[in-house]
Amino acid sequence: MKCPVGVSFGFGGKLVSYKPSQPATNPPTGSSEVYMHNLVTELSLVSRSTEFEAAIQNGEKTSLRALCDKKSQES
């Protein structure tokens, strides 16, 4: 049996939910509606997580080192 609805919380304040696109039918069609929401409670946290994601995706050690240096100076 498949779960008809669901939700998942992601990095950076993202919330994704899904539900069947049509009322329950027999047999089910399998199509779903997917919704993405941004849950921002702390703007500075979202900004820092975006900066961290960019440094990771870049893959260069210099980007990560610069981010770590910046964080150590702020502490």
N, C-alpha and C. Protein backbone atom coordinates (compact mmCIF):
# COMPACT_ATOMS: atom_id res chain seq x y z
N MET A 1 0.83 -1.16 0.00
CA MET A 1 0.00 0.00 0.00
C MET A 1 0.89 1.24 0.00
N LYS A 2 0.60 2.18 -0.84
CA LYS A 2 1.38 3.39 -1.01
C LYS A 2 0.77 4.53 -0.20
N CYS A 3 1.61 5.35 0.40
CA CYS A 3 1.14 6.49 1.18
C CYS A 3 0.56 7.55 0.23
N PRO A 4 -0.69 7.97 0.41
CA PRO A 4 -1.31 8.89 -0.53
C PRO A 4 -0.83 10.33 -0.40
N VAL A 5 -0.31 10.71 0.75
CA VAL A 5 0.17 12.07 0.96
C VAL A 5 1.48 12.02 1.71
N GLY A 6 2.25 13.10 1.61
CA GLY A 6 3.50 13.14 2.34
C GLY A 6 4.08 14.53 2.36
N VAL A 7 5.08 14.68 3.21
CA VAL A 7 5.77 15.96 3.34
C VAL A 7 7.21 15.69 3.76
N SER A 8 8.10 16.57 3.31
CA SER A 8 9.51 16.43 3.68
C SER A 8 10.10 17.82 3.87
N PHE A 9 10.86 17.98 4.94
CA PHE A 9 11.52 19.24 5.24
C PHE A 9 12.94 19.15 4.75
N GLY A 10 13.41 20.17 4.05
CA GLY A 10 14.74 20.13 3.48
C GLY A 10 15.64 21.25 3.97
N PHE A 11 16.85 21.23 3.49
CA PHE A 11 17.88 22.19 3.86
C PHE A 11 17.51 23.58 3.37
N GLY A 12 17.74 24.59 4.18
CA GLY A 12 17.49 25.97 3.76
C GLY A 12 16.04 26.40 3.88
N GLY A 13 15.27 25.74 4.70
CA GLY A 13 13.89 26.15 4.92
C GLY A 13 12.92 25.72 3.84
N LYS A 14 13.24 24.66 3.12
CA LYS A 14 12.35 24.16 2.06
C LYS A 14 11.41 23.10 2.64
N LEU A 15 10.17 23.15 2.21
CA LEU A 15 9.18 22.16 2.61
C LEU A 15 8.48 21.68 1.34
N VAL A 16 8.48 20.38 1.11
CA VAL A 16 7.84 19.80 -0.07
C VAL A 16 6.72 18.88 0.40
N SER A 17 5.55 19.04 -0.22
CA SER A 17 4.43 18.16 0.10
C SER A 17 3.83 17.63 -1.19
N TYR A 18 3.17 16.48 -1.09
CA TYR A 18 2.52 15.91 -2.27
C TYR A 18 1.21 15.26 -1.86
N LYS A 19 0.32 15.19 -2.83
CA LYS A 19 -0.97 14.53 -2.63
C LYS A 19 -1.46 14.04 -3.98
N PRO A 20 -2.39 13.12 -4.02
CA PRO A 20 -2.93 12.66 -5.30
C PRO A 20 -3.55 13.84 -6.07
N SER A 21 -3.35 13.84 -7.39
CA SER A 21 -3.87 14.95 -8.18
C SER A 21 -5.37 14.84 -8.40
N GLN A 22 -5.93 13.67 -8.18
CA GLN A 22 -7.37 13.45 -8.33
C GLN A 22 -7.88 12.76 -7.08
N PRO A 23 -9.18 12.84 -6.82
CA PRO A 23 -9.72 12.08 -5.69
C PRO A 23 -9.39 10.59 -5.84
N ALA A 24 -9.36 9.91 -4.74
CA ALA A 24 -9.03 8.47 -4.77
C ALA A 24 -9.94 7.73 -5.73
N THR A 25 -9.32 7.04 -6.66
CA THR A 25 -10.06 6.24 -7.64
C THR A 25 -9.62 4.80 -7.52
N ASN A 26 -10.40 3.93 -8.07
CA ASN A 26 -10.06 2.52 -8.08
C ASN A 26 -9.94 2.05 -9.50
N PRO A 27 -8.83 1.70 -10.02
CA PRO A 27 -7.50 1.72 -9.43
C PRO A 27 -6.91 3.13 -9.45
N PRO A 28 -5.96 3.42 -8.57
CA PRO A 28 -5.35 4.75 -8.52
C PRO A 28 -4.56 5.04 -9.80
N THR A 29 -4.55 6.30 -10.21
CA THR A 29 -3.85 6.69 -11.44
C THR A 29 -2.35 6.85 -11.23
N GLY A 30 -1.93 7.15 -10.02
CA GLY A 30 -0.50 7.27 -9.74
C GLY A 30 0.04 8.68 -9.91
N SER A 31 -0.75 9.62 -10.39
CA SER A 31 -0.23 10.98 -10.55
C SER A 31 -0.45 11.78 -9.27
N SER A 32 0.48 12.70 -9.00
CA SER A 32 0.43 13.48 -7.77
C SER A 32 0.66 14.96 -8.06
N GLU A 33 0.18 15.79 -7.16
CA GLU A 33 0.48 17.22 -7.18
C GLU A 33 1.58 17.45 -6.15
N VAL A 34 2.61 18.19 -6.55
CA VAL A 34 3.74 18.45 -5.66
C VAL A 34 3.80 19.95 -5.41
N TYR A 35 3.98 20.33 -4.16
CA TYR A 35 4.05 21.73 -3.76
C TYR A 35 5.36 21.98 -3.03
N MET A 36 6.02 23.09 -3.37
CA MET A 36 7.24 23.51 -2.67
C MET A 36 6.95 24.81 -1.95
N HIS A 37 7.36 24.86 -0.70
CA HIS A 37 7.16 26.05 0.13
C HIS A 37 8.50 26.46 0.74
N ASN A 38 8.68 27.75 0.92
CA ASN A 38 9.83 28.27 1.64
C ASN A 38 9.37 28.71 3.02
N LEU A 39 9.91 28.09 4.04
CA LEU A 39 9.57 28.45 5.41
C LEU A 39 10.74 29.21 6.01
N VAL A 40 10.65 30.50 5.98
CA VAL A 40 11.74 31.34 6.47
C VAL A 40 11.35 31.90 7.83
N THR A 41 12.05 31.44 8.84
CA THR A 41 11.83 31.98 10.18
C THR A 41 13.01 32.84 10.61
N GLU A 42 14.18 32.55 10.05
CA GLU A 42 15.38 33.32 10.34
C GLU A 42 16.09 33.62 9.03
N LEU A 43 16.00 34.85 8.57
CA LEU A 43 16.60 35.22 7.29
C LEU A 43 18.11 35.00 7.29
N SER A 44 18.78 35.27 8.40
CA SER A 44 20.23 35.10 8.44
C SER A 44 20.62 33.63 8.29
N LEU A 45 19.81 32.73 8.82
CA LEU A 45 20.09 31.30 8.69
C LEU A 45 19.98 30.86 7.24
N VAL A 46 18.97 31.34 6.54
CA VAL A 46 18.80 30.99 5.13
C VAL A 46 19.97 31.54 4.32
N SER A 47 20.39 32.74 4.62
CA SER A 47 21.52 33.34 3.92
C SER A 47 22.79 32.53 4.14
N ARG A 48 23.04 32.13 5.38
CA ARG A 48 24.24 31.34 5.67
C ARG A 48 24.18 29.96 5.03
N SER A 49 23.01 29.33 5.01
CA SER A 49 22.90 28.00 4.40
C SER A 49 23.08 28.08 2.89
N THR A 50 22.59 29.15 2.27
CA THR A 50 22.78 29.34 0.83
C THR A 50 24.26 29.52 0.51
N GLU A 51 24.93 30.30 1.34
CA GLU A 51 26.37 30.51 1.17
C GLU A 51 27.13 29.19 1.33
N PHE A 52 26.74 28.38 2.29
CA PHE A 52 27.38 27.08 2.52
C PHE A 52 27.14 26.14 1.34
N GLU A 53 25.91 26.08 0.84
CA GLU A 53 25.60 25.24 -0.32
C GLU A 53 26.44 25.63 -1.52
N ALA A 54 26.59 26.94 -1.75
CA ALA A 54 27.38 27.41 -2.88
C ALA A 54 28.84 26.98 -2.74
N ALA A 55 29.38 27.06 -1.54
CA ALA A 55 30.77 26.65 -1.31
C ALA A 55 30.94 25.16 -1.53
N ILE A 56 29.97 24.36 -1.13
CA ILE A 56 30.06 22.91 -1.32
C ILE A 56 29.94 22.54 -2.80
N GLN A 57 28.98 23.16 -3.49
CA GLN A 57 28.76 22.83 -4.90
C GLN A 57 29.95 23.24 -5.76
N ASN A 58 30.61 24.31 -5.37
CA ASN A 58 31.77 24.77 -6.11
C ASN A 58 32.86 23.71 -6.09
N GLY A 59 33.02 23.05 -4.96
CA GLY A 59 33.97 21.95 -4.85
C GLY A 59 35.41 22.37 -4.68
N GLU A 60 35.67 23.67 -4.68
CA GLU A 60 37.05 24.14 -4.51
C GLU A 60 37.34 24.32 -3.02
N LYS A 61 38.51 23.90 -2.64
CA LYS A 61 38.89 24.02 -1.23
C LYS A 61 39.02 25.48 -0.83
N THR A 62 39.38 26.35 -1.77
CA THR A 62 39.53 27.77 -1.43
C THR A 62 38.20 28.38 -1.02
N SER A 63 37.10 27.96 -1.65
CA SER A 63 35.78 28.48 -1.29
C SER A 63 35.41 28.05 0.12
N LEU A 64 35.65 26.78 0.43
CA LEU A 64 35.35 26.28 1.76
C LEU A 64 36.25 26.92 2.82
N ARG A 65 37.51 27.10 2.46
CA ARG A 65 38.45 27.73 3.40
C ARG A 65 38.04 29.17 3.68
N ALA A 66 37.63 29.90 2.63
CA ALA A 66 37.19 31.29 2.81
C ALA A 66 35.95 31.36 3.69
N LEU A 67 35.04 30.42 3.51
CA LEU A 67 33.84 30.38 4.34
C LEU A 67 34.21 30.10 5.81
N CYS A 68 35.11 29.17 6.03
CA CYS A 68 35.55 28.85 7.39
C CYS A 68 36.27 30.04 8.03
N ASP A 69 37.12 30.71 7.25
CA ASP A 69 37.83 31.89 7.77
C ASP A 69 36.83 32.99 8.16
N LYS A 70 35.84 33.20 7.32
CA LYS A 70 34.82 34.21 7.61
C LYS A 70 34.08 33.87 8.90
N LYS A 71 33.71 32.59 9.06
CA LYS A 71 32.99 32.17 10.26
C LYS A 71 33.85 32.33 11.51
N SER A 72 35.14 32.03 11.41
CA SER A 72 36.01 32.14 12.58
C SER A 72 36.21 33.60 12.96
N GLN A 73 36.22 34.52 11.99
CA GLN A 73 36.35 35.94 12.29
C GLN A 73 35.08 36.50 12.93
N GLU A 74 33.93 35.94 12.58
CA GLU A 74 32.66 36.39 13.13
C GLU A 74 32.45 35.90 14.56
N SER A 75 33.16 34.85 14.95
CA SER A 75 32.97 34.26 16.29
C SER A 75 33.64 35.07 17.37
